[in-house]
């Protein structure tokens, strides 16, 4: 077996027409702080460190479709957030500006859309 270089996940990057606006939503949702703020790039990270979320400007951003459709841009990634209290987490997400998806595939999972349409899930075990 050959050796490979050490790789550390720094974060996940989401495209957006306005990265600051989307970062503000996720700051409300997660309680994280801005650690990098540039013209077309904003990064937020959890208070104790670890991988963060970044948002970059995409002028040609198209809202993804979920569930998928053969004629629309499908989601390329989604975020999963484990929660202890699903109803409380759902209420918090909606207060932060998330929209629940019409289709909910499982009882212990709730699918939401952020303000520009990226899907994310809240789930319990």
PDB file of N, CA and C in Angstrom:
ATOM      1  N   UNK A   1       0.834  -1.173   0.000  1.00  0.00           N
ATOM      2  CA  UNK A   1       0.000   0.000   0.000  1.00  0.00           C
ATOM      3  C   UNK A   1       0.887   1.247   0.000  1.00  0.00           C
ATOM      4  N   UNK A   2       0.563   2.192  -0.855  1.00  0.00           N
ATOM      5  CA  UNK A   2       1.375   3.401  -0.915  1.00  0.00           C
ATOM      6  C   UNK A   2       0.901   4.424   0.116  1.00  0.00           C
ATOM      7  N   UNK A   3       1.817   5.230   0.577  1.00  0.00           N
ATOM      8  CA  UNK A   3       1.481   6.285   1.531  1.00  0.00           C
ATOM      9  C   UNK A   3       0.732   7.395   0.809  1.00  0.00           C
ATOM     10  N   UNK A   4      -0.091   8.075   1.524  1.00  0.00           N
ATOM     11  CA  UNK A   4      -0.799   9.216   0.942  1.00  0.00           C
ATOM     12  C   UNK A   4      -0.598  10.422   1.843  1.00  0.00           C
ATOM     13  N   UNK A   5      -0.729  11.611   1.274  1.00  0.00           N
ATOM     14  CA  UNK A   5      -0.546  12.810   2.089  1.00  0.00           C
ATOM     15  C   UNK A   5      -1.675  12.945   3.107  1.00  0.00           C
ATOM     16  N   UNK A   6      -1.399  13.612   4.189  1.00  0.00           N
ATOM     17  CA  UNK A   6      -2.421  13.865   5.200  1.00  0.00           C
ATOM     18  C   UNK A   6      -3.417  14.884   4.659  1.00  0.00           C
ATOM     19  N   UNK A   7      -4.691  14.546   4.719  1.00  0.00           N
ATOM     20  CA  UNK A   7      -5.757  15.425   4.256  1.00  0.00           C
ATOM     21  C   UNK A   7      -6.710  15.674   5.415  1.00  0.00           C
ATOM     22  N   UNK A   8      -7.083  16.917   5.621  1.00  0.00           N
ATOM     23  CA  UNK A   8      -7.994  17.287   6.688  1.00  0.00           C
ATOM     24  C   UNK A   8      -9.143  18.082   6.086  1.00  0.00           C
ATOM     25  N   UNK A   9     -10.349  17.634   6.340  1.00  0.00           N
ATOM     26  CA  UNK A   9     -11.510  18.366   5.842  1.00  0.00           C
ATOM     27  C   UNK A   9     -11.606  19.702   6.567  1.00  0.00           C
ATOM     28  N   UNK A  10     -11.533  20.784   5.818  1.00  0.00           N
ATOM     29  CA  UNK A  10     -11.611  22.131   6.381  1.00  0.00           C
ATOM     30  C   UNK A  10     -13.051  22.616   6.434  1.00  0.00           C
ATOM     31  N   UNK A  11     -13.867  22.155   5.510  1.00  0.00           N
ATOM     32  CA  UNK A  11     -15.250  22.598   5.489  1.00  0.00           C
ATOM     33  C   UNK A  11     -15.945  22.196   4.213  1.00  0.00           C
ATOM     34  N   UNK A  12     -17.167  22.658   4.088  1.00  0.00           N
ATOM     35  CA  UNK A  12     -18.012  22.439   2.919  1.00  0.00           C
ATOM     36  C   UNK A  12     -18.342  23.806   2.347  1.00  0.00           C
ATOM     37  N   UNK A  13     -18.345  23.919   1.029  1.00  0.00           N
ATOM     38  CA  UNK A  13     -18.605  25.202   0.362  1.00  0.00           C
ATOM     39  C   UNK A  13     -19.929  25.111  -0.388  1.00  0.00           C
ATOM     40  N   UNK A  14     -20.793  26.078  -0.143  1.00  0.00           N
ATOM     41  CA  UNK A  14     -22.071  26.169  -0.843  1.00  0.00           C
ATOM     42  C   UNK A  14     -22.064  27.395  -1.750  1.00  0.00           C
ATOM     43  N   UNK A  15     -22.497  27.209  -2.988  1.00  0.00           N
ATOM     44  CA  UNK A  15     -22.646  28.332  -3.912  1.00  0.00           C
ATOM     45  C   UNK A  15     -23.909  29.110  -3.549  1.00  0.00           C
ATOM     46  N   UNK A  16     -23.876  30.398  -3.832  1.00  0.00           N
ATOM     47  CA  UNK A  16     -25.024  31.251  -3.544  1.00  0.00           C
ATOM     48  C   UNK A  16     -24.944  32.515  -4.387  1.00  0.00           C
ATOM     49  N   UNK A  17     -26.081  33.106  -4.707  1.00  0.00           N
ATOM     50  CA  UNK A  17     -26.040  34.389  -5.398  1.00  0.00           C
ATOM     51  C   UNK A  17     -25.514  35.499  -4.485  1.00  0.00           C
ATOM     52  N   UNK A  18     -25.705  35.358  -3.168  1.00  0.00           N
ATOM     53  CA  UNK A  18     -25.236  36.334  -2.186  1.00  0.00           C
ATOM     54  C   UNK A  18     -24.689  35.565  -0.982  1.00  0.00           C
ATOM     55  N   UNK A  19     -23.371  35.357  -0.926  1.00  0.00           N
ATOM     56  CA  UNK A  19     -22.814  34.527   0.145  1.00  0.00           C
ATOM     57  C   UNK A  19     -23.021  35.094   1.546  1.00  0.00           C
ATOM     58  N   UNK A  20     -23.012  36.407   1.696  1.00  0.00           N
ATOM     59  CA  UNK A  20     -23.220  36.994   3.038  1.00  0.00           C
ATOM     60  C   UNK A  20     -24.619  36.705   3.567  1.00  0.00           C
ATOM     61  N   UNK A  21     -25.590  36.800   2.705  1.00  0.00           N
ATOM     62  CA  UNK A  21     -26.964  36.537   3.108  1.00  0.00           C
ATOM     63  C   UNK A  21     -27.134  35.077   3.531  1.00  0.00           C
ATOM     64  N   UNK A  22     -26.574  34.165   2.763  1.00  0.00           N
ATOM     65  CA  UNK A  22     -26.690  32.750   3.105  1.00  0.00           C
ATOM     66  C   UNK A  22     -25.902  32.435   4.374  1.00  0.00           C
ATOM     67  N   UNK A  23     -24.741  33.050   4.542  1.00  0.00           N
ATOM     68  CA  UNK A  23     -23.963  32.868   5.769  1.00  0.00           C
ATOM     69  C   UNK A  23     -24.754  33.357   6.979  1.00  0.00           C
ATOM     70  N   UNK A  24     -25.481  34.449   6.827  1.00  0.00           N
ATOM     71  CA  UNK A  24     -26.297  34.968   7.923  1.00  0.00           C
ATOM     72  C   UNK A  24     -27.368  33.963   8.332  1.00  0.00           C
ATOM     73  N   UNK A  25     -28.000  33.322   7.357  1.00  0.00           N
ATOM     74  CA  UNK A  25     -28.987  32.291   7.675  1.00  0.00           C
ATOM     75  C   UNK A  25     -28.351  31.160   8.494  1.00  0.00           C
ATOM     76  N   UNK A  26     -27.216  30.645   8.013  1.00  0.00           N
ATOM     77  CA  UNK A  26     -26.586  29.521   8.719  1.00  0.00           C
ATOM     78  C   UNK A  26     -26.038  29.949  10.082  1.00  0.00           C
ATOM     79  N   UNK A  27     -25.638  31.193  10.228  1.00  0.00           N
ATOM     80  CA  UNK A  27     -25.228  31.690  11.554  1.00  0.00           C
ATOM     81  C   UNK A  27     -26.414  31.644  12.513  1.00  0.00           C
ATOM     82  N   UNK A  28     -27.592  32.067  12.048  1.00  0.00           N
ATOM     83  CA  UNK A  28     -28.799  31.998  12.892  1.00  0.00           C
ATOM     84  C   UNK A  28     -29.145  30.553  13.225  1.00  0.00           C
ATOM     85  N   UNK A  29     -29.043  29.683  12.224  1.00  0.00           N
ATOM     86  CA  UNK A  29     -29.397  28.274  12.416  1.00  0.00           C
ATOM     87  C   UNK A  29     -28.447  27.580  13.390  1.00  0.00           C
ATOM     88  N   UNK A  30     -27.139  27.779  13.210  1.00  0.00           N
ATOM     89  CA  UNK A  30     -26.131  27.014  13.945  1.00  0.00           C
ATOM     90  C   UNK A  30     -25.504  27.740  15.128  1.00  0.00           C
ATOM     91  N   UNK A  31     -25.595  29.064  15.144  1.00  0.00           N
ATOM     92  CA  UNK A  31     -24.940  29.813  16.210  1.00  0.00           C
ATOM     93  C   UNK A  31     -23.436  29.921  16.016  1.00  0.00           C
ATOM     94  N   UNK A  32     -22.958  29.723  14.805  1.00  0.00           N
ATOM     95  CA  UNK A  32     -21.530  29.803  14.510  1.00  0.00           C
ATOM     96  C   UNK A  32     -21.146  31.244  14.202  1.00  0.00           C
ATOM     97  N   UNK A  33     -19.838  31.503  14.202  1.00  0.00           N
ATOM     98  CA  UNK A  33     -19.324  32.846  13.960  1.00  0.00           C
ATOM     99  C   UNK A  33     -18.599  32.940  12.619  1.00  0.00           C
ATOM    100  N   UNK A  34     -18.589  34.127  12.050  1.00  0.00           N
ATOM    101  CA  UNK A  34     -17.838  34.385  10.817  1.00  0.00           C
ATOM    102  C   UNK A  34     -16.353  34.386  11.147  1.00  0.00           C
ATOM    103  N   UNK A  35     -15.575  33.614  10.402  1.00  0.00           N
ATOM    104  CA  UNK A  35     -14.126  33.584  10.593  1.00  0.00           C
ATOM    105  C   UNK A  35     -13.388  34.118   9.370  1.00  0.00           C
ATOM    106  N   UNK A  36     -14.105  34.281   8.268  1.00  0.00           N
ATOM    107  CA  UNK A  36     -13.502  34.835   7.053  1.00  0.00           C
ATOM    108  C   UNK A  36     -14.609  35.538   6.276  1.00  0.00           C
ATOM    109  N   UNK A  37     -14.354  36.769   5.869  1.00  0.00           N
ATOM    110  CA  UNK A  37     -15.361  37.550   5.156  1.00  0.00           C
ATOM    111  C   UNK A  37     -14.663  38.342   4.061  1.00  0.00           C
ATOM    112  N   UNK A  38     -14.837  37.891   2.830  1.00  0.00           N
ATOM    113  CA  UNK A  38     -14.250  38.552   1.662  1.00  0.00           C
ATOM    114  C   UNK A  38     -15.368  38.906   0.698  1.00  0.00           C
ATOM    115  N   UNK A  39     -15.026  39.577  -0.375  1.00  0.00           N
ATOM    116  CA  UNK A  39     -16.037  40.063  -1.318  1.00  0.00           C
ATOM    117  C   UNK A  39     -16.971  38.956  -1.818  1.00  0.00           C
ATOM    118  N   UNK A  40     -16.439  37.819  -2.193  1.00  0.00           N
ATOM    119  CA  UNK A  40     -17.238  36.736  -2.759  1.00  0.00           C
ATOM    120  C   UNK A  40     -17.126  35.445  -1.951  1.00  0.00           C
ATOM    121  N   UNK A  41     -16.769  35.558  -0.668  1.00  0.00           N
ATOM    122  CA  UNK A  41     -16.512  34.362   0.139  1.00  0.00           C
ATOM    123  C   UNK A  41     -16.728  34.684   1.609  1.00  0.00           C
ATOM    124  N   UNK A  42     -17.521  33.867   2.287  1.00  0.00           N
ATOM    125  CA  UNK A  42     -17.716  33.987   3.727  1.00  0.00           C
ATOM    126  C   UNK A  42     -17.606  32.589   4.318  1.00  0.00           C
ATOM    127  N   UNK A  43     -16.881  32.479   5.428  1.00  0.00           N
ATOM    128  CA  UNK A  43     -16.757  31.193   6.117  1.00  0.00           C
ATOM    129  C   UNK A  43     -17.207  31.358   7.554  1.00  0.00           C
ATOM    130  N   UNK A  44     -18.019  30.396   8.022  1.00  0.00           N
ATOM    131  CA  UNK A  44     -18.412  30.346   9.423  1.00  0.00           C
ATOM    132  C   UNK A  44     -17.890  29.043  10.010  1.00  0.00           C
ATOM    133  N   UNK A  45     -17.610  29.071  11.313  1.00  0.00           N
ATOM    134  CA  UNK A  45     -17.072  27.891  11.989  1.00  0.00           C
ATOM    135  C   UNK A  45     -17.698  27.751  13.365  1.00  0.00           C
ATOM    136  N   UNK A  46     -17.730  26.516  13.874  1.00  0.00           N
ATOM    137  CA  UNK A  46     -18.262  26.310  15.221  1.00  0.00           C
ATOM    138  C   UNK A  46     -17.327  26.893  16.268  1.00  0.00           C
ATOM    139  N   UNK A  47     -17.860  27.308  17.417  1.00  0.00           N
ATOM    140  CA  UNK A  47     -17.041  27.953  18.444  1.00  0.00           C
ATOM    141  C   UNK A  47     -15.847  27.124  18.912  1.00  0.00           C
ATOM    142  N   UNK A  48     -15.973  25.825  18.989  1.00  0.00           N
ATOM    143  CA  UNK A  48     -14.880  24.979  19.463  1.00  0.00           C
ATOM    144  C   UNK A  48     -13.912  24.549  18.379  1.00  0.00           C
ATOM    145  N   UNK A  49     -14.065  25.075  17.171  1.00  0.00           N
ATOM    146  CA  UNK A  49     -13.206  24.678  16.062  1.00  0.00           C
ATOM    147  C   UNK A  49     -13.819  23.517  15.289  1.00  0.00           C
ATOM    148  N   UNK A  50     -13.106  23.059  14.306  1.00  0.00           N
ATOM    149  CA  UNK A  50     -13.589  21.976  13.448  1.00  0.00           C
ATOM    150  C   UNK A  50     -13.987  22.502  12.085  1.00  0.00           C
ATOM    151  N   UNK A  51     -14.405  21.590  11.206  1.00  0.00           N
ATOM    152  CA  UNK A  51     -14.793  22.005   9.853  1.00  0.00           C
ATOM    153  C   UNK A  51     -15.921  23.024   9.882  1.00  0.00           C
ATOM    154  N   UNK A  52     -15.857  23.974   8.967  1.00  0.00           N
ATOM    155  CA  UNK A  52     -16.865  25.013   8.896  1.00  0.00           C
ATOM    156  C   UNK A  52     -17.662  24.933   7.614  1.00  0.00           C
ATOM    157  N   UNK A  53     -18.466  25.944   7.404  1.00  0.00           N
ATOM    158  CA  UNK A  53     -19.226  26.100   6.164  1.00  0.00           C
ATOM    159  C   UNK A  53     -18.778  27.395   5.506  1.00  0.00           C
ATOM    160  N   UNK A  54     -18.529  27.313   4.204  1.00  0.00           N
ATOM    161  CA  UNK A  54     -18.175  28.498   3.431  1.00  0.00           C
ATOM    162  C   UNK A  54     -19.231  28.723   2.366  1.00  0.00           C
ATOM    163  N   UNK A  55     -19.335  29.962   1.955  1.00  0.00           N
ATOM    164  CA  UNK A  55     -20.331  30.361   0.966  1.00  0.00           C
ATOM    165  C   UNK A  55     -19.626  31.228  -0.055  1.00  0.00           C
ATOM    166  N   UNK A  56     -19.779  30.859  -1.336  1.00  0.00           N
ATOM    167  CA  UNK A  56     -19.108  31.616  -2.387  1.00  0.00           C
ATOM    168  C   UNK A  56     -20.120  32.095  -3.411  1.00  0.00           C
ATOM    169  N   UNK A  57     -19.816  33.247  -3.994  1.00  0.00           N
ATOM    170  CA  UNK A  57     -20.687  33.821  -5.002  1.00  0.00           C
ATOM    171  C   UNK A  57     -20.680  32.958  -6.251  1.00  0.00           C
ATOM    172  N   UNK A  58     -21.877  32.676  -6.728  1.00  0.00           N
ATOM    173  CA  UNK A  58     -22.068  32.022  -8.021  1.00  0.00           C
ATOM    174  C   UNK A  58     -23.124  32.833  -8.752  1.00  0.00           C
ATOM    175  N   UNK A  59     -22.667  33.598  -9.754  1.00  0.00           N
ATOM    176  CA  UNK A  59     -23.576  34.491 -10.492  1.00  0.00           C
ATOM    177  C   UNK A  59     -24.669  33.719 -11.221  1.00  0.00           C
ATOM    178  N   UNK A  60     -24.373  32.505 -11.655  1.00  0.00           N
ATOM    179  CA  UNK A  60     -25.337  31.705 -12.412  1.00  0.00           C
ATOM    180  C   UNK A  60     -26.001  30.633 -11.550  1.00  0.00           C
ATOM    181  N   UNK A  61     -26.107  30.900 -10.259  1.00  0.00           N
ATOM    182  CA  UNK A  61     -26.694  29.934  -9.341  1.00  0.00           C
ATOM    183  C   UNK A  61     -28.123  29.579  -9.749  1.00  0.00           C
ATOM    184  N   UNK A  62     -28.402  28.284  -9.715  1.00  0.00           N
ATOM    185  CA  UNK A  62     -29.756  27.787  -9.971  1.00  0.00           C
ATOM    186  C   UNK A  62     -30.195  26.967  -8.771  1.00  0.00           C
ATOM    187  N   UNK A  63     -31.336  27.261  -8.261  1.00  0.00           N
ATOM    188  CA  UNK A  63     -31.898  26.547  -7.119  1.00  0.00           C
ATOM    189  C   UNK A  63     -32.036  25.061  -7.476  1.00  0.00           C
ATOM    190  N   UNK A  64     -31.531  24.153  -6.630  1.00  0.00           N
ATOM    191  CA  UNK A  64     -31.662  22.727  -6.944  1.00  0.00           C
ATOM    192  C   UNK A  64     -33.085  22.227  -6.699  1.00  0.00           C
ATOM    193  N   UNK A  65     -33.430  21.147  -7.374  1.00  0.00           N
ATOM    194  CA  UNK A  65     -34.737  20.518  -7.203  1.00  0.00           C
ATOM    195  C   UNK A  65     -34.596  19.305  -6.296  1.00  0.00           C
ATOM    196  N   UNK A  66     -35.500  19.193  -5.339  1.00  0.00           N
ATOM    197  CA  UNK A  66     -35.587  17.997  -4.509  1.00  0.00           C
ATOM    198  C   UNK A  66     -37.038  17.788  -4.135  1.00  0.00           C
ATOM    199  N   UNK A  67     -37.562  16.586  -4.306  1.00  0.00           N
ATOM    200  CA  UNK A  67     -36.905  15.445  -4.929  1.00  0.00           C
ATOM    201  C   UNK A  67     -36.466  15.768  -6.354  1.00  0.00           C
ATOM    202  N   UNK A  68     -35.570  14.953  -6.850  1.00  0.00           N
ATOM    203  CA  UNK A  68     -34.967  15.225  -8.148  1.00  0.00           C
ATOM    204  C   UNK A  68     -35.981  15.140  -9.287  1.00  0.00           C
ATOM    205  N   UNK A  69     -35.615  15.796 -10.360  1.00  0.00           N
ATOM    206  CA  UNK A  69     -36.432  15.837 -11.565  1.00  0.00           C
ATOM    207  C   UNK A  69     -35.495  15.733 -12.762  1.00  0.00           C
ATOM    208  N   UNK A  70     -35.881  15.017 -13.808  1.00  0.00           N
ATOM    209  CA  UNK A  70     -34.986  14.908 -14.968  1.00  0.00           C
ATOM    210  C   UNK A  70     -34.769  16.215 -15.715  1.00  0.00           C
ATOM    211  N   UNK A  71     -35.609  17.218 -15.474  1.00  0.00           N
ATOM    212  CA  UNK A  71     -35.490  18.472 -16.218  1.00  0.00           C
ATOM    213  C   UNK A  71     -34.960  19.638 -15.394  1.00  0.00           C
ATOM    214  N   UNK A  72     -34.664  19.413 -14.122  1.00  0.00           N
ATOM    215  CA  UNK A  72     -34.212  20.508 -13.256  1.00  0.00           C
ATOM    216  C   UNK A  72     -32.857  20.184 -12.648  1.00  0.00           C
ATOM    217  N   UNK A  73     -32.156  21.226 -12.220  1.00  0.00           N
ATOM    218  CA  UNK A  73     -30.882  21.048 -11.531  1.00  0.00           C
ATOM    219  C   UNK A  73     -31.124  20.280 -10.234  1.00  0.00           C
ATOM    220  N   UNK A  74     -30.521  19.099 -10.115  1.00  0.00           N
ATOM    221  CA  UNK A  74     -30.655  18.322  -8.887  1.00  0.00           C
ATOM    222  C   UNK A  74     -29.681  18.804  -7.832  1.00  0.00           C
ATOM    223  N   UNK A  75     -29.937  18.390  -6.592  1.00  0.00           N
ATOM    224  CA  UNK A  75     -29.004  18.775  -5.531  1.00  0.00           C
ATOM    225  C   UNK A  75     -27.708  18.017  -5.731  1.00  0.00           C
ATOM    226  N   UNK A  76     -26.619  18.670  -5.456  1.00  0.00           N
ATOM    227  CA  UNK A  76     -25.309  18.056  -5.596  1.00  0.00           C
ATOM    228  C   UNK A  76     -24.777  17.624  -4.233  1.00  0.00           C
ATOM    229  N   UNK A  77     -25.319  18.208  -3.191  1.00  0.00           N
ATOM    230  CA  UNK A  77     -24.899  17.918  -1.824  1.00  0.00           C
ATOM    231  C   UNK A  77     -26.030  18.363  -0.915  1.00  0.00           C
ATOM    232  N   UNK A  78     -26.111  17.735   0.251  1.00  0.00           N
ATOM    233  CA  UNK A  78     -26.995  18.260   1.285  1.00  0.00           C
ATOM    234  C   UNK A  78     -26.324  18.064   2.632  1.00  0.00           C
ATOM    235  N   UNK A  79     -26.742  18.860   3.601  1.00  0.00           N
ATOM    236  CA  UNK A  79     -26.171  18.822   4.933  1.00  0.00           C
ATOM    237  C   UNK A  79     -27.116  18.061   5.856  1.00  0.00           C
ATOM    238  N   UNK A  80     -26.550  17.253   6.755  1.00  0.00           N
ATOM    239  CA  UNK A  80     -27.314  16.525   7.768  1.00  0.00           C
ATOM    240  C   UNK A  80     -26.944  17.057   9.139  1.00  0.00           C
ATOM    241  N   UNK A  81     -27.954  17.378   9.946  1.00  0.00           N
ATOM    242  CA  UNK A  81     -27.736  17.843  11.308  1.00  0.00           C
ATOM    243  C   UNK A  81     -28.496  16.927  12.263  1.00  0.00           C
ATOM    244  N   UNK A  82     -27.760  16.219  13.109  1.00  0.00           N
ATOM    245  CA  UNK A  82     -28.396  15.389  14.122  1.00  0.00           C
ATOM    246  C   UNK A  82     -28.882  16.287  15.251  1.00  0.00           C
ATOM    247  N   UNK A  83     -30.095  16.054  15.723  1.00  0.00           N
ATOM    248  CA  UNK A  83     -30.689  16.863  16.773  1.00  0.00           C
ATOM    249  C   UNK A  83     -31.251  15.954  17.866  1.00  0.00           C
ATOM    250  N   UNK A  84     -31.355  16.489  19.074  1.00  0.00           N
ATOM    251  CA  UNK A  84     -31.914  15.729  20.186  1.00  0.00           C
ATOM    252  C   UNK A  84     -33.441  15.811  20.201  1.00  0.00           C
ATOM    253  N   UNK A  85     -33.985  16.963  19.826  1.00  0.00           N
ATOM    254  CA  UNK A  85     -35.424  17.213  19.882  1.00  0.00           C
ATOM    255  C   UNK A  85     -35.869  17.705  18.509  1.00  0.00           C
ATOM    256  N   UNK A  86     -36.450  16.807  17.725  1.00  0.00           N
ATOM    257  CA  UNK A  86     -36.800  17.137  16.340  1.00  0.00           C
ATOM    258  C   UNK A  86     -37.837  18.263  16.251  1.00  0.00           C
ATOM    259  N   UNK A  87     -38.932  18.237  16.990  1.00  0.00           N
ATOM    260  CA  UNK A  87     -39.889  19.352  16.884  1.00  0.00           C
ATOM    261  C   UNK A  87     -39.269  20.708  17.249  1.00  0.00           C
ATOM    262  N   UNK A  88     -38.446  20.750  18.289  1.00  0.00           N
ATOM    263  CA  UNK A  88     -37.803  22.019  18.673  1.00  0.00           C
ATOM    264  C   UNK A  88     -36.826  22.472  17.597  1.00  0.00           C
ATOM    265  N   UNK A  89     -36.063  21.542  17.028  1.00  0.00           N
ATOM    266  CA  UNK A  89     -35.110  21.892  15.967  1.00  0.00           C
ATOM    267  C   UNK A  89     -35.840  22.384  14.724  1.00  0.00           C
ATOM    268  N   UNK A  90     -36.971  21.779  14.408  1.00  0.00           N
ATOM    269  CA  UNK A  90     -37.756  22.222  13.251  1.00  0.00           C
ATOM    270  C   UNK A  90     -38.283  23.639  13.465  1.00  0.00           C
ATOM    271  N   UNK A  91     -38.793  23.904  14.653  1.00  0.00           N
ATOM    272  CA  UNK A  91     -39.292  25.250  14.956  1.00  0.00           C
ATOM    273  C   UNK A  91     -38.160  26.272  14.865  1.00  0.00           C
ATOM    274  N   UNK A  92     -36.986  25.913  15.371  1.00  0.00           N
ATOM    275  CA  UNK A  92     -35.828  26.809  15.307  1.00  0.00           C
ATOM    276  C   UNK A  92     -35.424  27.066  13.855  1.00  0.00           C
ATOM    277  N   UNK A  93     -35.369  26.008  13.040  1.00  0.00           N
ATOM    278  CA  UNK A  93     -34.980  26.149  11.630  1.00  0.00           C
ATOM    279  C   UNK A  93     -35.953  27.074  10.896  1.00  0.00           C
ATOM    280  N   UNK A  94     -37.229  26.910  11.144  1.00  0.00           N
ATOM    281  CA  UNK A  94     -38.225  27.748  10.482  1.00  0.00           C
ATOM    282  C   UNK A  94     -38.120  29.199  10.949  1.00  0.00           C
ATOM    283  N   UNK A  95     -37.857  29.394  12.237  1.00  0.00           N
ATOM    284  CA  UNK A  95     -37.674  30.757  12.750  1.00  0.00           C
ATOM    285  C   UNK A  95     -36.437  31.416  12.145  1.00  0.00           C
ATOM    286  N   UNK A  96     -35.412  30.610  11.819  1.00  0.00           N
ATOM    287  CA  UNK A  96     -34.189  31.129  11.199  1.00  0.00           C
ATOM    288  C   UNK A  96     -34.381  31.451   9.727  1.00  0.00           C
ATOM    289  N   UNK A  97     -35.458  30.937   9.109  1.00  0.00           N
ATOM    290  CA  UNK A  97     -35.728  31.232   7.704  1.00  0.00           C
ATOM    291  C   UNK A  97     -35.758  30.028   6.792  1.00  0.00           C
ATOM    292  N   UNK A  98     -35.697  28.815   7.342  1.00  0.00           N
ATOM    293  CA  UNK A  98     -35.759  27.596   6.522  1.00  0.00           C
ATOM    294  C   UNK A  98     -37.203  27.303   6.129  1.00  0.00           C
ATOM    295  N   UNK A  99     -37.351  26.612   5.012  1.00  0.00           N
ATOM    296  CA  UNK A  99     -38.661  26.207   4.519  1.00  0.00           C
ATOM    297  C   UNK A  99     -38.733  24.688   4.492  1.00  0.00           C
ATOM    298  N   UNK A 100     -39.764  24.089   5.096  1.00  0.00           N
ATOM    299  CA  UNK A 100     -39.872  22.630   5.049  1.00  0.00           C
ATOM    300  C   UNK A 100     -40.218  22.150   3.644  1.00  0.00           C
ATOM    301  N   UNK A 101     -39.626  21.026   3.268  1.00  0.00           N
ATOM    302  CA  UNK A 101     -39.941  20.415   1.977  1.00  0.00           C
ATOM    303  C   UNK A 101     -41.341  19.819   2.037  1.00  0.00           C
ATOM    304  N   UNK A 102     -42.023  19.791   0.903  1.00  0.00           N
ATOM    305  CA  UNK A 102     -43.347  19.160   0.853  1.00  0.00           C
ATOM    306  C   UNK A 102     -43.245  17.659   1.105  1.00  0.00           C
ATOM    307  N   UNK A 103     -42.204  17.028   0.561  1.00  0.00           N
ATOM    308  CA  UNK A 103     -42.013  15.579   0.705  1.00  0.00           C
ATOM    309  C   UNK A 103     -41.090  15.309   1.885  1.00  0.00           C
ATOM    310  N   UNK A 104     -41.562  14.543   2.833  1.00  0.00           N
ATOM    311  CA  UNK A 104     -40.777  14.148   4.004  1.00  0.00           C
ATOM    312  C   UNK A 104     -40.669  12.624   3.986  1.00  0.00           C
ATOM    313  N   UNK A 105     -39.470  12.069   3.713  1.00  0.00           N
ATOM    314  CA  UNK A 105     -39.332  10.640   3.459  1.00  0.00           C
ATOM    315  C   UNK A 105     -39.378   9.717   4.677  1.00  0.00           C
ATOM    316  N   UNK A 106     -39.093  10.239   5.876  1.00  0.00           N
ATOM    317  CA  UNK A 106     -39.020   9.380   7.051  1.00  0.00           C
ATOM    318  C   UNK A 106     -39.553  10.115   8.273  1.00  0.00           C
ATOM    319  N   UNK A 107     -40.021   9.344   9.260  1.00  0.00           N
ATOM    320  CA  UNK A 107     -40.579   9.946  10.471  1.00  0.00           C
ATOM    321  C   UNK A 107     -39.532  10.657  11.318  1.00  0.00           C
ATOM    322  N   UNK A 108     -38.304  10.172  11.335  1.00  0.00           N
ATOM    323  CA  UNK A 108     -37.262  10.743  12.190  1.00  0.00           C
ATOM    324  C   UNK A 108     -36.359  11.735  11.452  1.00  0.00           C
ATOM    325  N   UNK A 109     -36.749  12.111  10.239  1.00  0.00           N
ATOM    326  CA  UNK A 109     -35.979  13.056   9.420  1.00  0.00           C
ATOM    327  C   UNK A 109     -36.928  14.131   8.904  1.00  0.00           C
ATOM    328  N   UNK A 110     -36.460  15.373   8.942  1.00  0.00           N
ATOM    329  CA  UNK A 110     -37.201  16.473   8.330  1.00  0.00           C
ATOM    330  C   UNK A 110     -36.280  17.166   7.345  1.00  0.00           C
ATOM    331  N   UNK A 111     -36.764  17.279   6.117  1.00  0.00           N
ATOM    332  CA  UNK A 111     -36.008  17.932   5.050  1.00  0.00           C
ATOM    333  C   UNK A 111     -36.443  19.386   4.972  1.00  0.00           C
ATOM    334  N   UNK A 112     -35.453  20.266   4.917  1.00  0.00           N
ATOM    335  CA  UNK A 112     -35.687  21.712   4.814  1.00  0.00           C
ATOM    336  C   UNK A 112     -34.870  22.276   3.664  1.00  0.00           C
ATOM    337  N   UNK A 113     -35.236  23.485   3.252  1.00  0.00           N
ATOM    338  CA  UNK A 113     -34.466  24.240   2.269  1.00  0.00           C
ATOM    339  C   UNK A 113     -33.982  25.519   2.921  1.00  0.00           C
ATOM    340  N   UNK A 114     -32.715  25.858   2.664  1.00  0.00           N
ATOM    341  CA  UNK A 114     -32.225  27.158   3.118  1.00  0.00           C
ATOM    342  C   UNK A 114     -32.799  28.230   2.188  1.00  0.00           C
ATOM    343  N   UNK A 115     -32.548  29.505   2.438  1.00  0.00           N
ATOM    344  CA  UNK A 115     -33.179  30.558   1.632  1.00  0.00           C
ATOM    345  C   UNK A 115     -32.893  30.515   0.128  1.00  0.00           C
ATOM    346  N   UNK A 116     -31.802  29.873  -0.312  1.00  0.00           N
ATOM    347  CA  UNK A 116     -31.551  29.788  -1.758  1.00  0.00           C
ATOM    348  C   UNK A 116     -31.813  28.389  -2.298  1.00  0.00           C
ATOM    349  N   UNK A 117     -32.372  27.513  -1.463  1.00  0.00           N
ATOM    350  CA  UNK A 117     -32.821  26.214  -1.956  1.00  0.00           C
ATOM    351  C   UNK A 117     -31.941  25.019  -1.680  1.00  0.00           C
ATOM    352  N   UNK A 118     -30.791  25.199  -1.027  1.00  0.00           N
ATOM    353  CA  UNK A 118     -29.974  24.038  -0.670  1.00  0.00           C
ATOM    354  C   UNK A 118     -30.761  23.199   0.340  1.00  0.00           C
ATOM    355  N   UNK A 119     -30.951  21.900   0.068  1.00  0.00           N
ATOM    356  CA  UNK A 119     -31.635  21.072   1.053  1.00  0.00           C
ATOM    357  C   UNK A 119     -30.722  20.711   2.222  1.00  0.00           C
ATOM    358  N   UNK A 120     -31.318  20.578   3.389  1.00  0.00           N
ATOM    359  CA  UNK A 120     -30.606  20.044   4.548  1.00  0.00           C
ATOM    360  C   UNK A 120     -31.603  19.242   5.373  1.00  0.00           C
ATOM    361  N   UNK A 121     -31.064  18.316   6.160  1.00  0.00           N
ATOM    362  CA  UNK A 121     -31.911  17.441   6.958  1.00  0.00           C
ATOM    363  C   UNK A 121     -31.624  17.624   8.444  1.00  0.00           C
ATOM    364  N   UNK A 122     -32.684  17.577   9.210  1.00  0.00           N
ATOM    365  CA  UNK A 122     -32.613  17.488  10.655  1.00  0.00           C
ATOM    366  C   UNK A 122     -33.074  16.076  10.984  1.00  0.00           C
ATOM    367  N   UNK A 123     -32.336  15.374  11.845  1.00  0.00           N
ATOM    368  CA  UNK A 123     -32.719  13.993  12.122  1.00  0.00           C
ATOM    369  C   UNK A 123     -32.383  13.593  13.543  1.00  0.00           C
ATOM    370  N   UNK A 124     -33.105  12.588  14.022  1.00  0.00           N
ATOM    371  CA  UNK A 124     -32.808  11.957  15.304  1.00  0.00           C
ATOM    372  C   UNK A 124     -32.488  10.497  15.024  1.00  0.00           C
ATOM    373  N   UNK A 125     -31.876   9.865  15.982  1.00  0.00           N
ATOM    374  CA  UNK A 125     -31.614   8.416  15.829  1.00  0.00           C
ATOM    375  C   UNK A 125     -32.725   7.610  16.402  1.00  0.00           C
TER     376      UNK A 125
END
